[in-house]
Amino acid sequence: MTIFRCANCQQPVTSEVVPGEPVRGPERPPGHEVAPPRMALGTFKTNFDGSLLIFHPDDVPGAVLHPDPRRGSGCCGLAGQDGPNLVCGGCGGCGVEVATMESDCWTDNLVALIAAAVTHGRATDADI
């Protein structure tokens, strides 16, 4: 299993995950409902050019909302259109921008971790 850490402070950003494939659920929900998560819990996928790592939103507990409220636009959730909206926020987190969450009614439901903002490796006893 792999865990991703903030490249700046080495705090864990994700829980333990393994590579996986995106989940394609039923048609997008009607109205203002959020779609099911794009990735299954415990899995991640690298995007087409390697710049982003796509996660289930619950697999990124070490990231918190960006302190700039302009990054949190959306009507039913986070649209993710105004730049990274999650920062490193684990115990002792440094606040570096690490990801963009999309959870609005018209977007996919995912967290896109910025590959250049994290390192990865095996989880240690201290992470569990």
C-alpha atoms as a PDB file:
ATOM      1  CA  MET A   1       0.000   0.000   0.000  1.00  0.00           C
ATOM      2  CA  THR A   2       1.085   3.543  -0.739  1.00  0.00           C
ATOM      3  CA  ILE A   3       0.680   6.745   1.215  1.00  0.00           C
ATOM      4  CA  PHE A   4       1.188  10.236  -0.191  1.00  0.00           C
ATOM      5  CA  ARG A   5       2.863  12.951   1.893  1.00  0.00           C
ATOM      6  CA  CYS A   6       3.229  16.689   1.533  1.00  0.00           C
ATOM      7  CA  ALA A   7       6.520  17.285  -0.286  1.00  0.00           C
ATOM      8  CA  ASN A   8       7.150  20.343   1.879  1.00  0.00           C
ATOM      9  CA  CYS A   9       6.651  18.986   5.429  1.00  0.00           C
ATOM     10  CA  GLN A  10       6.240  15.211   4.892  1.00  0.00           C
ATOM     11  CA  GLN A  11       2.911  15.070   6.757  1.00  0.00           C
ATOM     12  CA  PRO A  12       0.628  12.328   5.397  1.00  0.00           C
ATOM     13  CA  VAL A  13      -1.995  13.754   3.046  1.00  0.00           C
ATOM     14  CA  THR A  14      -3.702  10.482   2.048  1.00  0.00           C
ATOM     15  CA  SER A  15      -4.654   7.282   3.743  1.00  0.00           C
ATOM     16  CA  GLU A  16      -3.186   4.018   2.450  1.00  0.00           C
ATOM     17  CA  VAL A  17      -4.177   3.474  -1.182  1.00  0.00           C
ATOM     18  CA  VAL A  18      -3.514   1.215  -4.143  1.00  0.00           C
ATOM     19  CA  PRO A  19      -3.707   1.945  -7.876  1.00  0.00           C
ATOM     20  CA  GLY A  20      -7.191   1.481  -9.304  1.00  0.00           C
ATOM     21  CA  GLU A  21      -9.505   2.438 -12.136  1.00  0.00           C
ATOM     22  CA  PRO A  22     -12.183   5.131 -12.103  1.00  0.00           C
ATOM     23  CA  VAL A  23     -15.680   4.041 -11.207  1.00  0.00           C
ATOM     24  CA  ARG A  24     -18.386   5.000 -13.640  1.00  0.00           C
ATOM     25  CA  GLY A  25     -21.695   4.915 -11.858  1.00  0.00           C
ATOM     26  CA  PRO A  26     -25.150   5.469 -13.213  1.00  0.00           C
ATOM     27  CA  GLU A  27     -26.105   8.634 -15.062  1.00  0.00           C
ATOM     28  CA  ARG A  28     -25.440  11.911 -13.271  1.00  0.00           C
ATOM     29  CA  PRO A  29     -28.045  12.460 -10.533  1.00  0.00           C
ATOM     30  CA  PRO A  30     -30.847  14.859 -11.389  1.00  0.00           C
ATOM     31  CA  GLY A  31     -30.976  18.419 -10.077  1.00  0.00           C
ATOM     32  CA  HIS A  32     -28.534  19.554  -7.472  1.00  0.00           C
ATOM     33  CA  GLU A  33     -27.276  16.191  -6.237  1.00  0.00           C
ATOM     34  CA  VAL A  34     -23.601  15.329  -5.975  1.00  0.00           C
ATOM     35  CA  ALA A  35     -22.427  12.409  -8.120  1.00  0.00           C
ATOM     36  CA  PRO A  36     -20.985   9.281  -6.504  1.00  0.00           C
ATOM     37  CA  PRO A  37     -17.186   9.398  -6.010  1.00  0.00           C
ATOM     38  CA  ARG A  38     -15.181   8.883  -9.214  1.00  0.00           C
ATOM     39  CA  MET A  39     -12.729   6.501  -7.483  1.00  0.00           C
ATOM     40  CA  ALA A  40     -13.465   3.614  -5.137  1.00  0.00           C
ATOM     41  CA  LEU A  41     -12.386   4.116  -1.542  1.00  0.00           C
ATOM     42  CA  GLY A  42      -8.744   3.082  -1.100  1.00  0.00           C
ATOM     43  CA  THR A  43      -7.732   3.565  -4.738  1.00  0.00           C
ATOM     44  CA  PHE A  44      -6.108   6.254  -6.883  1.00  0.00           C
ATOM     45  CA  LYS A  45      -5.376   6.803 -10.569  1.00  0.00           C
ATOM     46  CA  THR A  46      -2.774   8.993 -12.265  1.00  0.00           C
ATOM     47  CA  ASN A  47      -4.249  11.298 -14.910  1.00  0.00           C
ATOM     48  CA  PHE A  48      -3.239  11.197 -18.579  1.00  0.00           C
ATOM     49  CA  ASP A  49      -0.126  13.407 -18.251  1.00  0.00           C
ATOM     50  CA  GLY A  50       1.015  12.415 -14.762  1.00  0.00           C
ATOM     51  CA  SER A  51       0.400  15.832 -13.222  1.00  0.00           C
ATOM     52  CA  LEU A  52      -2.573  14.801 -11.065  1.00  0.00           C
ATOM     53  CA  LEU A  53      -3.488  11.835  -8.888  1.00  0.00           C
ATOM     54  CA  ILE A  54      -7.227  11.184  -8.634  1.00  0.00           C
ATOM     55  CA  PHE A  55      -8.664   9.997  -5.275  1.00  0.00           C
ATOM     56  CA  HIS A  56     -11.916   9.232  -3.488  1.00  0.00           C
ATOM     57  CA  PRO A  57     -12.596  12.328  -1.321  1.00  0.00           C
ATOM     58  CA  ASP A  58     -12.436  10.271   1.910  1.00  0.00           C
ATOM     59  CA  ASP A  59      -8.902   9.081   1.068  1.00  0.00           C
ATOM     60  CA  VAL A  60      -7.394  12.553   1.548  1.00  0.00           C
ATOM     61  CA  PRO A  61      -7.815  13.246   5.294  1.00  0.00           C
ATOM     62  CA  GLY A  62      -4.584  15.241   5.567  1.00  0.00           C
ATOM     63  CA  ALA A  63      -5.848  18.077   3.376  1.00  0.00           C
ATOM     64  CA  VAL A  64      -8.121  20.894   4.538  1.00  0.00           C
ATOM     65  CA  LEU A  65      -9.971  23.703   2.809  1.00  0.00           C
ATOM     66  CA  HIS A  66      -7.851  26.524   1.448  1.00  0.00           C
ATOM     67  CA  PRO A  67      -7.887  29.614   3.703  1.00  0.00           C
ATOM     68  CA  ASP A  68      -8.721  31.838   0.705  1.00  0.00           C
ATOM     69  CA  PRO A  69     -12.550  31.772   0.479  1.00  0.00           C
ATOM     70  CA  ARG A  70     -12.376  32.567  -3.261  1.00  0.00           C
ATOM     71  CA  ARG A  71     -11.058  29.023  -3.794  1.00  0.00           C
ATOM     72  CA  GLY A  72     -14.285  27.522  -2.432  1.00  0.00           C
ATOM     73  CA  SER A  73     -16.723  28.459  -5.175  1.00  0.00           C
ATOM     74  CA  GLY A  74     -19.630  26.208  -6.114  1.00  0.00           C
ATOM     75  CA  CYS A  75     -23.342  25.930  -5.477  1.00  0.00           C
ATOM     76  CA  CYS A  76     -23.740  22.481  -3.869  1.00  0.00           C
ATOM     77  CA  GLY A  77     -20.101  21.705  -3.156  1.00  0.00           C
ATOM     78  CA  LEU A  78     -16.691  22.723  -4.449  1.00  0.00           C
ATOM     79  CA  ALA A  79     -16.495  23.420  -8.178  1.00  0.00           C
ATOM     80  CA  GLY A  80     -12.685  23.285  -8.302  1.00  0.00           C
ATOM     81  CA  GLN A  81     -12.479  25.948 -10.997  1.00  0.00           C
ATOM     82  CA  ASP A  82     -10.565  28.600  -9.035  1.00  0.00           C
ATOM     83  CA  GLY A  83      -7.253  26.846  -8.460  1.00  0.00           C
ATOM     84  CA  PRO A  84      -6.258  24.370  -5.777  1.00  0.00           C
ATOM     85  CA  ASN A  85      -8.768  24.470  -2.932  1.00  0.00           C
ATOM     86  CA  LEU A  86      -7.111  22.062  -0.476  1.00  0.00           C
ATOM     87  CA  VAL A  87      -3.926  22.632   1.503  1.00  0.00           C
ATOM     88  CA  CYS A  88      -1.717  20.421   3.672  1.00  0.00           C
ATOM     89  CA  GLY A  89      -3.462  20.413   7.024  1.00  0.00           C
ATOM     90  CA  GLY A  90      -2.464  17.281   8.857  1.00  0.00           C
ATOM     91  CA  CYS A  91      -1.108  17.491  12.391  1.00  0.00           C
ATOM     92  CA  GLY A  92       1.509  20.190  12.002  1.00  0.00           C
ATOM     93  CA  GLY A  93       0.545  20.704   8.349  1.00  0.00           C
ATOM     94  CA  CYS A  94       2.277  23.535   6.548  1.00  0.00           C
ATOM     95  CA  GLY A  95      -0.606  24.944   4.483  1.00  0.00           C
ATOM     96  CA  VAL A  96       0.955  24.290   1.042  1.00  0.00           C
ATOM     97  CA  GLU A  97      -1.563  23.860  -1.798  1.00  0.00           C
ATOM     98  CA  VAL A  98      -1.793  20.116  -2.461  1.00  0.00           C
ATOM     99  CA  ALA A  99      -5.056  19.374  -4.263  1.00  0.00           C
ATOM    100  CA  THR A 100      -8.325  20.404  -5.849  1.00  0.00           C
ATOM    101  CA  MET A 101     -11.602  18.910  -4.699  1.00  0.00           C
ATOM    102  CA  GLU A 102     -14.532  18.733  -7.103  1.00  0.00           C
ATOM    103  CA  SER A 103     -17.827  17.998  -5.376  1.00  0.00           C
ATOM    104  CA  ASP A 104     -20.372  20.291  -6.974  1.00  0.00           C
ATOM    105  CA  CYS A 105     -23.614  19.080  -8.562  1.00  0.00           C
ATOM    106  CA  TRP A 106     -22.231  19.567 -12.100  1.00  0.00           C
ATOM    107  CA  THR A 107     -18.726  18.123 -11.563  1.00  0.00           C
ATOM    108  CA  ASP A 108     -17.252  14.713 -10.872  1.00  0.00           C
ATOM    109  CA  ASN A 109     -16.839  13.897  -7.187  1.00  0.00           C
ATOM    110  CA  LEU A 110     -13.099  13.532  -6.603  1.00  0.00           C
ATOM    111  CA  VAL A 111      -9.909  14.980  -5.190  1.00  0.00           C
ATOM    112  CA  ALA A 112      -7.108  15.677  -7.669  1.00  0.00           C
ATOM    113  CA  LEU A 113      -3.803  15.707  -5.783  1.00  0.00           C
ATOM    114  CA  ILE A 114      -1.047  17.746  -7.441  1.00  0.00           C
ATOM    115  CA  ALA A 115       1.690  15.192  -8.180  1.00  0.00           C
ATOM    116  CA  ALA A 116       4.477  17.777  -7.787  1.00  0.00           C
ATOM    117  CA  ALA A 117       3.187  18.721  -4.306  1.00  0.00           C
ATOM    118  CA  VAL A 118       3.525  15.239  -2.807  1.00  0.00           C
ATOM    119  CA  THR A 119       5.920  12.373  -2.338  1.00  0.00           C
ATOM    120  CA  HIS A 120       4.883   8.772  -1.958  1.00  0.00           C
ATOM    121  CA  GLY A 121       6.065   5.641  -0.267  1.00  0.00           C
ATOM    122  CA  ARG A 122       5.001   2.849   1.999  1.00  0.00           C
ATOM    123  CA  ALA A 123       3.047   3.674   5.122  1.00  0.00           C
ATOM    124  CA  THR A 124       4.950   3.458   8.406  1.00  0.00           C
ATOM    125  CA  ASP A 125       3.688   2.466  11.873  1.00  0.00           C
ATOM    126  CA  ALA A 126       3.558   6.176  12.722  1.00  0.00           C
ATOM    127  CA  ASP A 127       1.035   6.744   9.910  1.00  0.00           C
ATOM    128  CA  ILE A 128      -1.430   4.119  11.095  1.00  0.00           C
END
